[in-house]
């Protein structure tokens, strides 16, 4: 390698690493308050209980069974192509599973 080639690669490496460092620094500076927000609030002496209006949902809200019944009643089964027989089936997709291909029998 010649001296000019080494210098070019040095400059490329230097500037790409500076850009990458700035990007990662931005992620760290914006992400750390999100991760440590409880500790920051405790250090600043902020009271979470007074900031939220109304009773906690565990005390004044509906039970989970009632919320589930309301959500299932409001859910329109016609809007999705569902083929399962029970509403208790959990799926990530509203579409039914693809049919399984069967292998031909050996003769």
Protein backbone atom coordinates (compact mmCIF):
# COMPACT_ATOMS: atom_id res chain seq x y z
CA UNK A 1 0.00 0.00 0.00
CA UNK A 2 1.22 3.43 -0.80
CA UNK A 3 1.29 6.33 1.56
CA UNK A 4 -1.63 8.06 -0.21
CA UNK A 5 -3.78 4.91 -0.06
CA UNK A 6 -3.18 4.59 3.67
CA UNK A 7 -4.02 8.27 4.15
CA UNK A 8 -7.28 7.90 2.19
CA UNK A 9 -8.33 4.87 4.24
CA UNK A 10 -7.41 6.73 7.42
CA UNK A 11 -9.66 9.65 6.45
CA UNK A 12 -12.52 7.34 5.46
CA UNK A 13 -12.23 5.46 8.74
CA UNK A 14 -12.00 8.65 10.78
CA UNK A 15 -15.07 10.33 9.31
CA UNK A 16 -17.27 7.25 9.20
CA UNK A 17 -16.42 6.52 12.84
CA UNK A 18 -17.22 10.11 13.82
CA UNK A 19 -20.62 9.91 12.13
CA UNK A 20 -21.31 6.56 13.79
CA UNK A 21 -20.20 7.91 17.16
CA UNK A 22 -22.53 10.89 16.87
CA UNK A 23 -25.44 8.61 16.00
CA UNK A 24 -24.73 6.29 18.95
CA UNK A 25 -24.26 9.28 21.27
CA UNK A 26 -27.66 10.59 20.19
CA UNK A 27 -29.21 7.20 20.97
CA UNK A 28 -27.57 7.10 24.40
CA UNK A 29 -28.50 10.65 25.35
CA UNK A 30 -32.14 10.21 24.37
CA UNK A 31 -32.46 6.63 25.59
CA UNK A 32 -30.97 6.90 29.06
CA UNK A 33 -33.73 9.17 30.43
CA UNK A 34 -36.31 6.75 29.05
CA UNK A 35 -34.66 3.79 30.74
CA UNK A 36 -33.94 5.45 34.06
CA UNK A 37 -37.03 7.67 34.33
CA UNK A 38 -38.09 6.09 37.65
CA UNK A 39 -34.70 6.73 39.22
CA UNK A 40 -34.59 10.28 37.84
CA UNK A 41 -38.06 11.04 39.19
CA UNK A 42 -37.12 9.61 42.59
CA UNK A 43 -33.94 11.70 42.68
CA UNK A 44 -35.88 14.85 41.78
CA UNK A 45 -38.52 14.08 44.42
CA UNK A 46 -41.51 13.95 42.08
CA UNK A 47 -44.64 12.26 43.42
CA UNK A 48 -46.29 9.92 40.94
CA UNK A 49 -49.37 9.36 43.10
CA UNK A 50 -50.35 13.06 43.04
CA UNK A 51 -49.69 13.44 39.33
CA UNK A 52 -52.31 10.90 38.24
CA UNK A 53 -55.95 11.87 38.68
CA UNK A 54 -58.58 9.37 39.78
CA UNK A 55 -58.37 6.05 41.55
CA UNK A 56 -56.01 3.33 40.39
CA UNK A 57 -57.59 1.05 37.84
CA UNK A 58 -57.16 -1.93 40.17
CA UNK A 59 -59.39 -0.22 42.74
CA UNK A 60 -61.88 1.82 40.73
CA UNK A 61 -61.78 0.18 37.32
CA UNK A 62 -63.62 -2.75 35.82
CA UNK A 63 -62.43 -6.29 36.46
CA UNK A 64 -60.49 -7.87 33.60
CA UNK A 65 -63.29 -10.38 32.95
CA UNK A 66 -65.81 -7.57 32.42
CA UNK A 67 -63.42 -5.71 30.11
CA UNK A 68 -62.80 -8.90 28.12
CA UNK A 69 -66.55 -9.56 27.79
CA UNK A 70 -67.11 -5.98 26.59
CA UNK A 71 -64.26 -6.21 24.07
CA UNK A 72 -65.43 -9.55 22.72
CA UNK A 73 -69.00 -8.28 22.40
CA UNK A 74 -67.83 -5.18 20.52
CA UNK A 75 -65.57 -7.16 18.23
CA UNK A 76 -67.07 -7.71 14.84
CA UNK A 77 -66.53 -11.28 13.74
CA UNK A 78 -67.58 -10.36 10.21
CA UNK A 79 -64.58 -8.07 9.73
CA UNK A 80 -62.09 -10.91 9.88
CA UNK A 81 -62.11 -14.30 8.25
CA UNK A 82 -62.07 -16.49 11.33
CA UNK A 83 -62.42 -20.23 11.14
CA UNK A 84 -61.73 -21.28 14.70
CA UNK A 85 -64.64 -22.44 16.83
CA UNK A 86 -63.72 -20.73 20.09
CA UNK A 87 -63.20 -17.09 20.99
CA UNK A 88 -60.55 -18.21 23.47
CA UNK A 89 -58.11 -19.14 20.72
CA UNK A 90 -55.13 -16.75 20.70
CA UNK A 91 -53.54 -15.93 17.35
CA UNK A 92 -51.27 -13.23 16.02
CA UNK A 93 -53.06 -13.08 12.68
CA UNK A 94 -56.78 -12.67 11.95
CA UNK A 95 -56.41 -14.99 8.97
CA UNK A 96 -56.93 -18.73 9.34
CA UNK A 97 -53.90 -20.99 9.06
CA UNK A 98 -52.89 -22.18 5.62
CA UNK A 99 -54.00 -25.71 4.76
CA UNK A 100 -51.36 -28.38 5.23
CA UNK A 101 -50.14 -30.12 2.15
CA UNK A 102 -50.34 -33.87 2.31
CA UNK A 103 -47.68 -36.06 0.83
CA UNK A 104 -48.84 -38.61 -1.73
CA UNK A 105 -48.90 -42.14 -0.40
CA UNK A 106 -46.08 -44.39 -1.48
CA UNK A 107 -47.20 -47.26 -3.67
